[in-house]
Amino acid sequence: MTFLPSNSQSPFLPTTQVFPEELSERLIVLTDNYTALAQSINQREIGTFETVEQLNGQQFFNTTDPERKRFAYRKVFAIGAIAQGATSTTAHGITGVNATTIFTHIYGTCVTDVVDNRPIPYADVTAVNEQIEINVDATNINLLNGAAAPAITSALVVLEYLKN
């Protein structure tokens, strides 16, 4: 069994609780437990992946105000076929992307016409021209399929980012 230091922050709750017999003490324990439950639930990452922008439950530090967390957003994109050596450009529709926007995760998967599944980005250890590159600019998601790579038949791309 692992025990956390008393001053650590964690989204884990104790699995058992003894409630006092005295009503006034029981109310204090119930209130404390409710607060701990709400905080723990709010600290968990949300496992919903949608094609519209949504809060994903991730909270990041804030260098200018340590008491105020920055919240992350997630958006998923279904992308169609990409030929060998071609680039797919898909508008992401995320407003306010500029030099201060921070993408925390840019990733995805694809199915190729040789019927295998590959991560995006994909690095081939023997042939550089079979790699799949991904980058995001102010308006688009750009997927670059290597010149000798199999054609991509479909892909899913996930963007997670901080807006503030």
Protein backbone atom coordinates (compact mmCIF):
# COMPACT_ATOMS: atom_id res chain seq x y z
CA MET A 1 0.00 0.00 0.00
CA THR A 2 1.29 3.48 -0.89
CA PHE A 3 0.81 6.47 1.36
CA LEU A 4 1.08 10.03 0.16
CA PRO A 5 2.68 12.81 2.20
CA SER A 6 0.07 14.80 4.12
CA ASN A 7 0.82 17.96 2.10
CA SER A 8 0.50 16.31 -1.34
CA GLN A 9 -2.33 16.94 -3.75
CA SER A 10 -3.89 13.88 -5.33
CA PRO A 11 -7.23 12.99 -6.93
CA PHE A 12 -7.41 9.77 -4.86
CA LEU A 13 -9.88 9.38 -2.03
CA PRO A 14 -9.77 7.08 1.00
CA THR A 15 -11.85 3.95 0.47
CA THR A 16 -13.24 3.83 4.00
CA GLN A 17 -14.59 6.41 6.42
CA VAL A 18 -15.73 6.24 10.03
CA PHE A 19 -18.46 8.74 10.84
CA PRO A 20 -18.71 10.17 14.36
CA GLU A 21 -21.84 9.50 16.41
CA GLU A 22 -22.19 13.17 17.41
CA LEU A 23 -24.33 14.96 14.80
CA SER A 24 -22.31 18.20 14.77
CA GLU A 25 -19.05 16.27 14.25
CA ARG A 26 -20.69 14.08 11.58
CA LEU A 27 -21.76 17.20 9.64
CA ILE A 28 -18.16 18.44 9.65
CA VAL A 29 -16.89 15.07 8.36
CA LEU A 30 -19.63 14.92 5.68
CA THR A 31 -18.84 18.46 4.53
CA ASP A 32 -15.11 17.68 4.37
CA ASN A 33 -15.79 14.45 2.48
CA TYR A 34 -18.06 16.19 -0.02
CA THR A 35 -15.40 18.85 -0.64
CA ALA A 36 -12.70 16.18 -1.13
CA LEU A 37 -15.00 14.24 -3.48
CA ALA A 38 -15.79 17.30 -5.60
CA GLN A 39 -12.13 18.31 -5.82
CA SER A 40 -11.05 14.78 -6.75
CA ILE A 41 -13.67 14.45 -9.46
CA ASN A 42 -12.76 17.86 -10.87
CA GLN A 43 -9.06 16.91 -11.02
CA ARG A 44 -9.66 13.83 -13.17
CA GLU A 45 -9.18 13.95 -16.91
CA ILE A 46 -12.37 13.66 -18.91
CA GLY A 47 -12.26 10.72 -21.33
CA THR A 48 -14.59 12.20 -23.93
CA PHE A 49 -13.23 12.83 -27.42
CA GLU A 50 -15.50 15.01 -29.57
CA THR A 51 -15.25 16.90 -32.85
CA VAL A 52 -16.18 20.13 -31.06
CA GLU A 53 -13.97 22.00 -28.64
CA GLN A 54 -14.39 20.92 -25.04
CA LEU A 55 -12.60 21.15 -21.72
CA ASN A 56 -10.66 17.92 -21.21
CA GLY A 57 -10.18 18.12 -17.44
CA GLN A 58 -6.43 18.76 -17.60
CA GLN A 59 -5.11 21.63 -15.52
CA PHE A 60 -1.70 23.20 -16.09
CA PHE A 61 0.45 25.45 -13.96
CA ASN A 62 0.42 29.20 -14.44
CA THR A 63 3.82 30.91 -14.20
CA THR A 64 2.32 34.34 -13.57
CA ASP A 65 -0.27 33.25 -10.98
CA PRO A 66 0.45 29.88 -9.29
CA GLU A 67 -2.97 29.94 -7.58
CA ARG A 68 -4.82 30.08 -10.91
CA LYS A 69 -4.62 26.98 -13.12
CA ARG A 70 -4.83 27.02 -16.91
CA PHE A 71 -7.41 24.65 -18.37
CA ALA A 72 -6.79 22.52 -21.45
CA TYR A 73 -9.17 21.91 -24.32
CA ARG A 74 -9.49 18.98 -26.72
CA LYS A 75 -10.79 18.66 -30.26
CA VAL A 76 -10.77 15.59 -32.55
CA PHE A 77 -10.66 15.52 -36.36
CA ALA A 78 -11.52 12.77 -38.82
CA ILE A 79 -9.29 13.11 -41.87
CA GLY A 80 -9.76 11.34 -45.19
CA ALA A 81 -7.38 9.73 -47.65
CA ILE A 82 -3.84 11.03 -48.22
CA ALA A 83 -1.79 9.74 -51.17
CA GLN A 84 1.89 8.82 -51.02
CA GLY A 85 4.01 11.95 -50.85
CA ALA A 86 0.98 14.19 -50.41
CA THR A 87 0.00 16.70 -47.75
CA SER A 88 -3.45 16.97 -46.22
CA THR A 89 -4.53 20.34 -44.88
CA THR A 90 -7.53 20.44 -42.56
CA ALA A 91 -8.87 23.64 -40.99
CA HIS A 92 -8.98 23.21 -37.21
CA GLY A 93 -11.32 26.12 -36.46
CA ILE A 94 -9.64 26.90 -33.14
CA THR A 95 -10.01 30.63 -32.56
CA GLY A 96 -7.19 32.74 -31.23
CA VAL A 97 -4.26 30.51 -32.25
CA ASN A 98 -1.15 32.68 -32.18
CA ALA A 99 2.46 32.67 -30.97
CA THR A 100 1.35 32.30 -27.34
CA THR A 101 -1.02 29.36 -27.91
CA ILE A 102 0.39 26.21 -26.37
CA PHE A 103 -0.50 22.82 -27.81
CA THR A 104 0.04 20.21 -25.09
CA HIS A 105 -0.66 17.16 -27.26
CA ILE A 106 -0.74 16.76 -31.05
CA TYR A 107 -1.27 13.14 -32.03
CA GLY A 108 -3.34 10.64 -33.93
CA THR A 109 -3.58 7.34 -35.74
CA CYS A 110 -4.19 6.29 -39.32
CA VAL A 111 -5.05 3.28 -41.43
CA THR A 112 -2.97 2.74 -44.57
CA ASP A 113 -3.84 0.99 -47.82
CA VAL A 114 -1.59 -1.95 -46.84
CA VAL A 115 -4.13 -2.27 -44.04
CA ASP A 116 -2.00 -1.48 -41.04
CA ASN A 117 -2.53 1.07 -38.28
CA ARG A 118 0.15 3.66 -37.62
CA PRO A 119 0.61 6.35 -35.01
CA ILE A 120 0.84 9.96 -36.07
CA PRO A 121 3.55 11.13 -36.10
CA TYR A 122 5.12 7.96 -37.53
CA ALA A 123 8.88 7.42 -37.69
CA ASP A 124 10.31 4.64 -39.83
CA VAL A 125 13.73 3.46 -38.61
CA THR A 126 14.88 2.27 -42.05
CA ALA A 127 13.31 4.69 -44.53
CA VAL A 128 12.94 8.39 -43.81
CA ASN A 129 10.65 8.80 -46.83
CA GLU A 130 8.02 6.52 -45.20
CA GLN A 131 7.41 8.79 -42.22
CA ILE A 132 4.23 10.72 -41.41
CA GLU A 133 4.64 14.26 -40.11
CA ILE A 134 2.04 16.36 -38.34
CA ASN A 135 2.13 20.05 -37.52
CA VAL A 136 -0.41 22.71 -36.63
CA ASP A 137 -0.35 26.34 -37.71
CA ALA A 138 -2.71 29.23 -36.98
CA THR A 139 -5.51 27.78 -39.13
CA ASN A 140 -4.70 24.20 -40.21
CA ILE A 141 -3.63 20.72 -39.25
CA ASN A 142 -1.02 19.61 -41.78
CA LEU A 143 -0.38 15.89 -42.33
CA LEU A 144 2.56 15.07 -44.59
CA ASN A 145 2.71 11.49 -45.84
CA GLY A 146 6.15 10.25 -46.90
CA ALA A 147 6.90 9.76 -50.60
CA ALA A 148 7.43 5.99 -50.17
CA ALA A 149 4.84 5.52 -47.43
CA PRO A 150 1.66 3.62 -48.12
CA ALA A 151 -1.35 5.79 -48.86
CA ILE A 152 -3.43 6.74 -45.85
CA THR A 153 -7.09 5.73 -46.15
CA SER A 154 -8.31 7.50 -43.00
CA ALA A 155 -6.94 9.20 -39.91
CA LEU A 156 -7.97 10.57 -36.53
CA VAL A 157 -6.10 13.55 -35.11
CA VAL A 158 -6.40 14.84 -31.55
CA LEU A 159 -5.39 18.37 -30.56
CA GLU A 160 -5.13 19.39 -26.90
CA TYR A 161 -4.21 22.97 -26.10
CA LEU A 162 -4.18 25.87 -23.66
CA LYS A 163 -6.01 29.00 -24.73
CA ASN A 164 -4.95 31.26 -21.90
